[in-house]
Amino acid sequence: MRYVVSGLVGFVVTLVISLPVQHLMQIKEARASSLGSSKVKSRAGSRAVTELLVDVPPLAGGIDPKEPRIKFMPQYPTEAAEQQLEGFVVLSFQVGSDGSVQNLKVVESVPPMVFDKAAKRAVSRWSFRPLPAGKDAASADNEQKLRLNFSLKKALASEDSSNPSL
């Protein structure tokens, strides 16, 4: 009985401490994400009110068909990690009518041939939404480019979302 009570007390203490911290982190994230957005200031009575503009995607409907449903990130090659190598791989591929990755090619890699195999192995397992009926899988608008960064600081490969041209 003593263990149950101490477990419950520990749980309550954890909640009391973590919820305000979590709320503060959400506020900081909202402020950070709105730095790129404009801020609107207005006067409400005698105090200034600042509105944060935050983009919120809809719950249903506007799903990006170019975003994979299932995504596997590459494993950092052990030989590259042992040699302290970092780099990136740019891949080009098309999404098949069934949502599978097809015609996967390495466009660029730095350093050459170090991360290519890991990147191709991971992206070939990705799964996208099936193409709508009548849409050709080999069409030019179906071509996608992706840059995967391999960084030892993060200890894993990451997708580069800062470069929208890829």
N, C-alpha and C. Protein backbone atom coordinates (compact mmCIF):
# COMPACT_ATOMS: atom_id res chain seq x y z
N MET A 1 0.83 -1.19 0.00
CA MET A 1 0.00 0.00 0.00
C MET A 1 0.88 1.26 0.00
N ARG A 2 1.97 1.17 0.74
CA ARG A 2 2.88 2.30 0.84
C ARG A 2 3.45 2.65 -0.55
N TYR A 3 3.74 1.63 -1.36
CA TYR A 3 4.29 1.85 -2.69
C TYR A 3 3.27 2.48 -3.62
N VAL A 4 2.02 2.10 -3.49
CA VAL A 4 0.96 2.67 -4.32
C VAL A 4 0.81 4.15 -4.01
N VAL A 5 0.78 4.49 -2.73
CA VAL A 5 0.63 5.89 -2.32
C VAL A 5 1.82 6.71 -2.80
N SER A 6 3.03 6.19 -2.63
CA SER A 6 4.21 6.94 -3.05
C SER A 6 4.24 7.08 -4.58
N GLY A 7 3.77 6.07 -5.29
CA GLY A 7 3.69 6.16 -6.75
C GLY A 7 2.70 7.22 -7.19
N LEU A 8 1.54 7.26 -6.54
CA LEU A 8 0.54 8.27 -6.87
C LEU A 8 1.04 9.68 -6.54
N VAL A 9 1.70 9.84 -5.41
CA VAL A 9 2.24 11.15 -5.03
C VAL A 9 3.29 11.58 -6.06
N GLY A 10 4.15 10.67 -6.46
CA GLY A 10 5.15 10.99 -7.48
C GLY A 10 4.53 11.38 -8.79
N PHE A 11 3.46 10.70 -9.18
CA PHE A 11 2.76 11.01 -10.42
C PHE A 11 2.15 12.41 -10.36
N VAL A 12 1.50 12.74 -9.26
CA VAL A 12 0.87 14.05 -9.10
C VAL A 12 1.93 15.15 -9.09
N VAL A 13 3.03 14.94 -8.40
CA VAL A 13 4.09 15.93 -8.36
C VAL A 13 4.67 16.14 -9.77
N THR A 14 4.85 15.08 -10.51
CA THR A 14 5.35 15.18 -11.87
C THR A 14 4.40 15.99 -12.74
N LEU A 15 3.11 15.73 -12.64
CA LEU A 15 2.13 16.49 -13.40
C LEU A 15 2.14 17.97 -13.03
N VAL A 16 2.19 18.25 -11.75
CA VAL A 16 2.16 19.64 -11.28
C VAL A 16 3.38 20.40 -11.80
N ILE A 17 4.50 19.74 -11.89
CA ILE A 17 5.72 20.39 -12.36
C ILE A 17 5.77 20.45 -13.88
N SER A 18 5.39 19.38 -14.56
CA SER A 18 5.59 19.32 -16.00
C SER A 18 4.55 20.09 -16.80
N LEU A 19 3.31 20.20 -16.35
CA LEU A 19 2.30 20.89 -17.14
C LEU A 19 2.61 22.37 -17.34
N PRO A 20 2.99 23.13 -16.31
CA PRO A 20 3.34 24.53 -16.57
C PRO A 20 4.56 24.67 -17.48
N VAL A 21 5.54 23.79 -17.32
CA VAL A 21 6.72 23.84 -18.17
C VAL A 21 6.33 23.54 -19.61
N GLN A 22 5.48 22.55 -19.82
CA GLN A 22 5.02 22.21 -21.16
C GLN A 22 4.25 23.38 -21.77
N HIS A 23 3.43 24.06 -20.98
CA HIS A 23 2.68 25.20 -21.48
C HIS A 23 3.62 26.32 -21.90
N LEU A 24 4.67 26.58 -21.11
CA LEU A 24 5.64 27.61 -21.46
C LEU A 24 6.38 27.26 -22.75
N MET A 25 6.70 25.99 -22.93
CA MET A 25 7.38 25.56 -24.15
C MET A 25 6.48 25.74 -25.36
N GLN A 26 5.18 25.48 -25.24
CA GLN A 26 4.26 25.67 -26.34
C GLN A 26 4.16 27.15 -26.71
N ILE A 27 4.17 28.02 -25.71
CA ILE A 27 4.13 29.46 -25.97
C ILE A 27 5.39 29.89 -26.70
N LYS A 28 6.56 29.39 -26.27
CA LYS A 28 7.82 29.74 -26.93
C LYS A 28 7.83 29.25 -28.38
N GLU A 29 7.31 28.04 -28.61
CA GLU A 29 7.26 27.51 -29.97
C GLU A 29 6.34 28.34 -30.84
N ALA A 30 5.21 28.77 -30.30
CA ALA A 30 4.28 29.60 -31.06
C ALA A 30 4.91 30.94 -31.40
N ARG A 31 5.64 31.52 -30.46
CA ARG A 31 6.32 32.79 -30.73
C ARG A 31 7.41 32.61 -31.76
N ALA A 32 8.16 31.52 -31.65
CA ALA A 32 9.25 31.28 -32.60
C ALA A 32 8.71 31.05 -34.00
N SER A 33 7.60 30.33 -34.11
CA SER A 33 7.05 30.05 -35.44
C SER A 33 6.41 31.29 -36.03
N SER A 34 6.03 32.24 -35.20
CA SER A 34 5.38 33.44 -35.73
C SER A 34 6.38 34.55 -36.03
N LEU A 35 7.66 34.34 -35.78
CA LEU A 35 8.65 35.37 -36.07
C LEU A 35 8.67 35.70 -37.55
N GLY A 36 8.47 34.70 -38.38
CA GLY A 36 8.41 34.95 -39.81
C GLY A 36 7.11 35.60 -40.22
N SER A 37 6.06 35.46 -39.43
CA SER A 37 4.77 36.06 -39.73
C SER A 37 4.76 37.49 -39.21
N SER A 38 3.82 38.24 -39.70
CA SER A 38 3.70 39.61 -39.20
C SER A 38 2.92 39.61 -37.90
N LYS A 39 3.23 40.57 -37.06
CA LYS A 39 2.51 40.73 -35.80
C LYS A 39 1.55 41.89 -35.93
N VAL A 40 0.36 41.75 -35.43
CA VAL A 40 -0.65 42.78 -35.48
C VAL A 40 -0.85 43.31 -34.08
N LYS A 41 -0.72 44.62 -33.91
CA LYS A 41 -0.92 45.21 -32.60
C LYS A 41 -2.19 46.06 -32.62
N SER A 42 -2.94 45.98 -31.58
CA SER A 42 -4.14 46.79 -31.46
C SER A 42 -4.27 47.25 -30.02
N ARG A 43 -5.13 48.22 -29.78
CA ARG A 43 -5.36 48.73 -28.43
C ARG A 43 -6.69 48.21 -27.93
N ALA A 44 -6.67 47.58 -26.78
CA ALA A 44 -7.90 47.13 -26.13
C ALA A 44 -7.96 47.83 -24.79
N GLY A 45 -8.73 48.89 -24.71
CA GLY A 45 -8.76 49.68 -23.49
C GLY A 45 -7.46 50.45 -23.38
N SER A 46 -6.77 50.31 -22.28
CA SER A 46 -5.51 51.03 -22.08
C SER A 46 -4.30 50.15 -22.27
N ARG A 47 -4.47 48.88 -22.55
CA ARG A 47 -3.32 47.99 -22.70
C ARG A 47 -3.17 47.55 -24.16
N ALA A 48 -1.95 47.28 -24.55
CA ALA A 48 -1.67 46.83 -25.92
C ALA A 48 -1.83 45.32 -25.99
N VAL A 49 -2.45 44.87 -27.06
CA VAL A 49 -2.67 43.44 -27.27
C VAL A 49 -1.89 43.04 -28.52
N THR A 50 -1.07 42.01 -28.40
CA THR A 50 -0.32 41.50 -29.53
C THR A 50 -0.92 40.17 -29.96
N GLU A 51 -1.27 40.08 -31.22
CA GLU A 51 -1.81 38.83 -31.75
C GLU A 51 -0.71 38.10 -32.49
N LEU A 52 -0.57 36.85 -32.21
CA LEU A 52 0.39 36.02 -32.92
C LEU A 52 -0.32 35.31 -34.05
N LEU A 53 0.21 35.42 -35.24
CA LEU A 53 -0.37 34.74 -36.39
C LEU A 53 0.31 33.39 -36.55
N VAL A 54 -0.43 32.33 -36.36
CA VAL A 54 0.10 30.99 -36.44
C VAL A 54 -0.67 30.23 -37.50
N ASP A 55 0.04 29.63 -38.45
CA ASP A 55 -0.62 28.83 -39.49
C ASP A 55 -1.01 27.49 -38.91
N VAL A 56 -2.29 27.18 -39.00
CA VAL A 56 -2.80 25.91 -38.50
C VAL A 56 -3.41 25.17 -39.68
N PRO A 57 -2.87 23.99 -40.03
CA PRO A 57 -3.43 23.24 -41.15
C PRO A 57 -4.80 22.67 -40.78
N PRO A 58 -5.67 22.49 -41.76
CA PRO A 58 -6.98 21.90 -41.48
C PRO A 58 -6.85 20.45 -41.05
N LEU A 59 -7.84 19.97 -40.31
CA LEU A 59 -7.80 18.59 -39.83
C LEU A 59 -8.00 17.59 -40.96
N ALA A 60 -8.81 17.94 -41.92
CA ALA A 60 -9.07 17.04 -43.03
C ALA A 60 -9.01 17.83 -44.32
N GLY A 61 -8.78 17.16 -45.40
CA GLY A 61 -8.81 17.85 -46.68
C GLY A 61 -7.43 18.15 -47.18
N GLY A 62 -6.88 19.29 -46.88
CA GLY A 62 -5.66 19.80 -47.47
C GLY A 62 -4.41 19.00 -47.18
N ILE A 63 -4.41 17.73 -47.46
CA ILE A 63 -3.24 16.88 -47.23
C ILE A 63 -2.35 16.97 -48.46
N ASP A 64 -1.08 17.24 -48.23
CA ASP A 64 -0.13 17.38 -49.32
C ASP A 64 0.17 16.00 -49.91
N PRO A 65 -0.17 15.79 -51.20
CA PRO A 65 0.08 14.47 -51.79
C PRO A 65 1.56 14.18 -51.97
N LYS A 66 2.41 15.21 -51.93
CA LYS A 66 3.84 14.98 -52.08
C LYS A 66 4.51 14.62 -50.77
N GLU A 67 3.77 14.65 -49.67
CA GLU A 67 4.32 14.28 -48.37
C GLU A 67 4.09 12.77 -48.15
N PRO A 68 5.14 12.02 -47.81
CA PRO A 68 4.98 10.57 -47.64
C PRO A 68 4.10 10.22 -46.44
N ARG A 69 3.33 9.14 -46.60
CA ARG A 69 2.54 8.61 -45.48
C ARG A 69 3.44 7.87 -44.52
N ILE A 70 4.40 7.13 -45.07
CA ILE A 70 5.34 6.36 -44.27
C ILE A 70 6.74 6.80 -44.69
N LYS A 71 7.54 7.22 -43.71
CA LYS A 71 8.87 7.74 -44.00
C LYS A 71 9.89 7.07 -43.10
N PHE A 72 10.93 6.51 -43.70
CA PHE A 72 12.04 5.92 -42.97
C PHE A 72 13.26 6.80 -43.18
N MET A 73 13.89 7.24 -42.10
CA MET A 73 15.10 8.03 -42.23
C MET A 73 16.30 7.08 -42.30
N PRO A 74 17.32 7.45 -43.07
CA PRO A 74 18.48 6.57 -43.25
C PRO A 74 19.27 6.38 -41.97
N GLN A 75 19.93 5.24 -41.90
CA GLN A 75 20.86 5.00 -40.80
C GLN A 75 22.21 5.58 -41.18
N TYR A 76 22.85 6.22 -40.23
CA TYR A 76 24.17 6.80 -40.47
C TYR A 76 25.16 5.67 -40.67
N PRO A 77 25.88 5.63 -41.78
CA PRO A 77 26.85 4.54 -42.00
C PRO A 77 27.94 4.54 -40.92
N THR A 78 28.21 3.38 -40.36
CA THR A 78 29.18 3.30 -39.27
C THR A 78 30.58 3.72 -39.70
N GLU A 79 30.96 3.36 -40.94
CA GLU A 79 32.29 3.75 -41.42
C GLU A 79 32.42 5.27 -41.49
N ALA A 80 31.37 5.94 -41.94
CA ALA A 80 31.39 7.40 -42.03
C ALA A 80 31.43 8.03 -40.64
N ALA A 81 30.70 7.45 -39.70
CA ALA A 81 30.70 7.97 -38.34
C ALA A 81 32.08 7.79 -37.70
N GLU A 82 32.72 6.64 -37.92
CA GLU A 82 34.04 6.40 -37.36
C GLU A 82 35.08 7.37 -37.92
N GLN A 83 34.90 7.75 -39.19
CA GLN A 83 35.84 8.68 -39.83
C GLN A 83 35.41 10.14 -39.66
N GLN A 84 34.34 10.38 -38.89
CA GLN A 84 33.82 11.73 -38.63
C GLN A 84 33.42 12.45 -39.91
N LEU A 85 32.83 11.72 -40.86
CA LEU A 85 32.41 12.31 -42.13
C LEU A 85 30.97 12.80 -42.04
N GLU A 86 30.72 13.96 -42.62
CA GLU A 86 29.37 14.51 -42.74
C GLU A 86 29.14 14.85 -44.20
N GLY A 87 27.89 14.96 -44.59
CA GLY A 87 27.60 15.30 -45.98
C GLY A 87 26.12 15.29 -46.26
N PHE A 88 25.79 15.16 -47.53
CA PHE A 88 24.39 15.13 -47.94
C PHE A 88 24.24 14.34 -49.23
N VAL A 89 23.00 13.96 -49.49
CA VAL A 89 22.64 13.25 -50.72
C VAL A 89 21.37 13.89 -51.26
N VAL A 90 21.38 14.24 -52.55
CA VAL A 90 20.18 14.74 -53.22
C VAL A 90 19.66 13.60 -54.09
N LEU A 91 18.39 13.24 -53.85
CA LEU A 91 17.78 12.14 -54.58
C LEU A 91 16.65 12.67 -55.46
N SER A 92 16.44 12.00 -56.58
CA SER A 92 15.34 12.30 -57.49
C SER A 92 14.53 11.03 -57.64
N PHE A 93 13.20 11.16 -57.61
CA PHE A 93 12.35 9.98 -57.76
C PHE A 93 10.96 10.39 -58.21
N GLN A 94 10.17 9.38 -58.57
CA GLN A 94 8.77 9.58 -58.92
C GLN A 94 7.93 8.70 -58.02
N VAL A 95 6.69 9.11 -57.82
CA VAL A 95 5.76 8.32 -57.02
C VAL A 95 4.91 7.51 -57.99
N GLY A 96 4.87 6.20 -57.80
CA GLY A 96 4.08 5.33 -58.65
C GLY A 96 2.59 5.47 -58.37
N SER A 97 1.79 4.92 -59.24
CA SER A 97 0.33 5.01 -59.08
C SER A 97 -0.15 4.34 -57.79
N ASP A 98 0.64 3.39 -57.28
CA ASP A 98 0.29 2.72 -56.02
C ASP A 98 0.88 3.42 -54.80
N GLY A 99 1.65 4.51 -55.00
CA GLY A 99 2.24 5.25 -53.89
C GLY A 99 3.67 4.85 -53.59
N SER A 100 4.23 3.94 -54.35
CA SER A 100 5.61 3.50 -54.10
C SER A 100 6.60 4.43 -54.79
N VAL A 101 7.84 4.40 -54.32
CA VAL A 101 8.91 5.21 -54.90
C VAL A 101 9.47 4.47 -56.11
N GLN A 102 9.57 5.19 -57.23
CA GLN A 102 10.07 4.59 -58.47
C GLN A 102 11.13 5.50 -59.09
N ASN A 103 11.98 4.93 -59.91
CA ASN A 103 13.03 5.65 -60.63
C ASN A 103 13.90 6.47 -59.66
N LEU A 104 14.31 5.86 -58.58
CA LEU A 104 15.11 6.53 -57.56
C LEU A 104 16.55 6.67 -58.05
N LYS A 105 17.04 7.92 -58.09
CA LYS A 105 18.39 8.19 -58.58
C LYS A 105 19.09 9.17 -57.65
N VAL A 106 20.39 9.02 -57.52
CA VAL A 106 21.21 9.99 -56.79
C VAL A 106 21.58 11.09 -57.77
N VAL A 107 21.20 12.33 -57.45
CA VAL A 107 21.52 13.48 -58.29
C VAL A 107 22.87 14.06 -57.90
N GLU A 108 23.09 14.16 -56.59
CA GLU A 108 24.33 14.74 -56.08
C GLU A 108 24.61 14.14 -54.71
N SER A 109 25.88 13.95 -54.40
CA SER A 109 26.24 13.48 -53.07
C SER A 109 27.61 14.02 -52.69
N VAL A 110 27.70 14.48 -51.45
CA VAL A 110 28.95 15.02 -50.91
C VAL A 110 29.16 14.40 -49.55
N PRO A 111 30.28 13.73 -49.31
CA PRO A 111 31.27 13.23 -50.25
C PRO A 111 30.66 12.11 -51.12
N PRO A 112 31.19 11.96 -52.33
CA PRO A 112 30.61 11.00 -53.27
C PRO A 112 30.63 9.56 -52.74
N MET A 113 29.54 8.86 -52.96
CA MET A 113 29.39 7.42 -52.70
C MET A 113 29.47 7.02 -51.22
N VAL A 114 29.49 7.96 -50.29
CA VAL A 114 29.59 7.60 -48.87
C VAL A 114 28.21 7.33 -48.28
N PHE A 115 27.26 8.22 -48.55
CA PHE A 115 25.93 8.11 -47.95
C PHE A 115 24.86 7.65 -48.95
N ASP A 116 25.25 7.41 -50.20
CA ASP A 116 24.29 7.08 -51.26
C ASP A 116 23.47 5.83 -50.94
N LYS A 117 24.13 4.77 -50.54
CA LYS A 117 23.46 3.49 -50.31
C LYS A 117 22.44 3.61 -49.17
N ALA A 118 22.82 4.26 -48.07
CA ALA A 118 21.92 4.42 -46.93
C ALA A 118 20.71 5.27 -47.31
N ALA A 119 20.95 6.34 -48.06
CA ALA A 119 19.86 7.22 -48.47
C ALA A 119 18.89 6.50 -49.40
N LYS A 120 19.42 5.80 -50.39
CA LYS A 120 18.55 5.08 -51.34
C LYS A 120 17.78 3.96 -50.65
N ARG A 121 18.42 3.25 -49.73
CA ARG A 121 17.76 2.16 -49.03
C ARG A 121 16.56 2.69 -48.23
N ALA A 122 16.74 3.82 -47.57
CA ALA A 122 15.66 4.37 -46.74
C ALA A 122 14.52 4.93 -47.60
N VAL A 123 14.84 5.76 -48.58
CA VAL A 123 13.79 6.41 -49.38
C VAL A 123 13.03 5.40 -50.24
N SER A 124 13.69 4.32 -50.65
CA SER A 124 12.98 3.31 -51.45
C SER A 124 11.87 2.63 -50.66
N ARG A 125 11.91 2.72 -49.32
CA ARG A 125 10.88 2.12 -48.47
C ARG A 125 9.74 3.09 -48.16
N TRP A 126 9.85 4.36 -48.59
CA TRP A 126 8.81 5.34 -48.32
C TRP A 126 7.52 4.96 -49.04
N SER A 127 6.41 5.41 -48.51
CA SER A 127 5.11 5.15 -49.12
C SER A 127 4.31 6.45 -49.17
N PHE A 128 3.78 6.76 -50.34
CA PHE A 128 2.98 7.95 -50.55
C PHE A 128 1.53 7.55 -50.78
N ARG A 129 0.66 8.54 -50.80
CA ARG A 129 -0.74 8.29 -51.14
C ARG A 129 -0.81 7.87 -52.60
N PRO A 130 -1.66 6.90 -52.92
CA PRO A 130 -1.80 6.50 -54.32
C PRO A 130 -2.25 7.69 -55.17
N LEU A 131 -1.78 7.72 -56.42
CA LEU A 131 -2.14 8.80 -57.32
C LEU A 131 -3.62 8.72 -57.68
N PRO A 132 -4.26 9.87 -57.89
CA PRO A 132 -5.67 9.86 -58.31
C PRO A 132 -5.82 9.17 -59.66
N ALA A 133 -6.98 8.62 -59.90
CA ALA A 133 -7.24 7.92 -61.16
C ALA A 133 -7.04 8.89 -62.33
N GLY A 134 -6.37 8.42 -63.35
CA GLY A 134 -6.14 9.23 -64.54
C GLY A 134 -4.85 10.02 -64.51
N LYS A 135 -4.16 10.06 -63.39
CA LYS A 135 -2.90 10.79 -63.31
C LYS A 135 -1.77 9.84 -63.64
N ASP A 136 -0.91 10.26 -64.55
CA ASP A 136 0.19 9.43 -65.03
C ASP A 136 1.36 9.50 -64.05
N ALA A 137 1.88 8.34 -63.67
CA ALA A 137 2.99 8.28 -62.72
C ALA A 137 4.27 8.83 -63.33
N ALA A 138 4.39 8.83 -64.64
CA ALA A 138 5.61 9.30 -65.29
C ALA A 138 5.53 10.78 -65.68
N SER A 139 4.51 11.49 -65.24
CA SER A 139 4.36 12.90 -65.61
C SER A 139 5.43 13.75 -64.94
N ALA A 140 5.70 14.92 -65.54
CA ALA A 140 6.76 15.80 -65.04
C ALA A 140 6.45 16.36 -63.67
N ASP A 141 5.18 16.59 -63.35
CA ASP A 141 4.83 17.16 -62.05
C ASP A 141 4.92 16.13 -60.93
N ASN A 142 5.16 14.88 -61.28
CA ASN A 142 5.29 13.81 -60.30
C ASN A 142 6.75 13.65 -59.85
N GLU A 143 7.67 14.30 -60.55
CA GLU A 143 9.10 14.23 -60.22
C GLU A 143 9.35 14.96 -58.91
N GLN A 144 10.06 14.31 -57.98
CA GLN A 144 10.38 14.93 -56.70
C GLN A 144 11.87 14.87 -56.47
N LYS A 145 12.38 15.91 -55.81
CA LYS A 145 13.78 15.93 -55.39
C LYS A 145 13.80 16.09 -53.88
N LEU A 146 14.77 15.46 -53.28
CA LEU A 146 14.88 15.44 -51.83
C LEU A 146 16.35 15.50 -51.44
N ARG A 147 16.65 16.33 -50.44
CA ARG A 147 18.02 16.40 -49.93
C ARG A 147 18.03 15.85 -48.51
N LEU A 148 18.88 14.86 -48.28
CA LEU A 148 19.05 14.29 -46.95
C LEU A 148 20.42 14.70 -46.43
N ASN A 149 20.43 15.35 -45.27
CA ASN A 149 21.68 15.79 -44.64
C ASN A 149 22.12 14.75 -43.63
N PHE A 150 23.40 14.42 -43.66
CA PHE A 150 23.98 13.50 -42.69
C PHE A 150 24.90 14.31 -41.80
N SER A 151 24.52 14.46 -40.52
CA SER A 151 25.25 15.31 -39.59
C SER A 151 25.56 14.53 -38.32
N LEU A 152 26.80 14.58 -37.88
CA LEU A 152 27.18 13.91 -36.64
C LEU A 152 26.63 14.62 -35.42
N LYS A 153 26.38 15.92 -35.52
CA LYS A 153 25.82 16.67 -34.39
C LYS A 153 24.45 16.13 -34.01
N LYS A 154 23.67 15.77 -35.01
CA LYS A 154 22.34 15.23 -34.76
C LYS A 154 22.38 13.72 -34.60
N ALA A 155 23.49 13.12 -34.96
CA ALA A 155 23.70 11.67 -34.87
C ALA A 155 22.71 10.89 -35.72
N LEU A 156 22.16 11.54 -36.74
CA LEU A 156 21.27 10.85 -37.66
C LEU A 156 21.14 11.67 -38.92
N ALA A 157 20.49 11.11 -39.88
CA ALA A 157 20.23 11.82 -41.13
C ALA A 157 18.94 12.59 -40.98
N SER A 158 18.87 13.75 -41.59
CA SER A 158 17.65 14.54 -41.52
C SER A 158 17.28 15.06 -42.90
N GLU A 159 16.01 15.30 -43.06
CA GLU A 159 15.50 15.81 -44.31
C GLU A 159 15.65 17.32 -44.30
N ASP A 160 16.14 17.89 -45.40
CA ASP A 160 16.34 19.33 -45.48
C ASP A 160 15.05 19.99 -45.93
N SER A 161 14.36 20.65 -45.00
CA SER A 161 13.12 21.34 -45.34
C SER A 161 13.37 22.83 -45.55
N SER A 162 14.62 23.29 -45.35
CA SER A 162 14.91 24.72 -45.51
C SER A 162 15.10 25.10 -46.95
N ASN A 163 15.27 24.13 -47.84
CA ASN A 163 15.48 24.43 -49.24
C ASN A 163 14.27 23.97 -50.03
N PRO A 164 13.29 24.88 -50.29
CA PRO A 164 12.08 24.47 -50.97
C PRO A 164 12.27 24.17 -52.44
N SER A 165 13.43 24.53 -53.03
CA SER A 165 13.64 24.29 -54.45
C SER A 165 13.95 22.82 -54.73
N LEU A 166 14.28 22.05 -53.71
CA LEU A 166 14.59 20.64 -53.92
C LEU A 166 13.36 19.79 -53.81
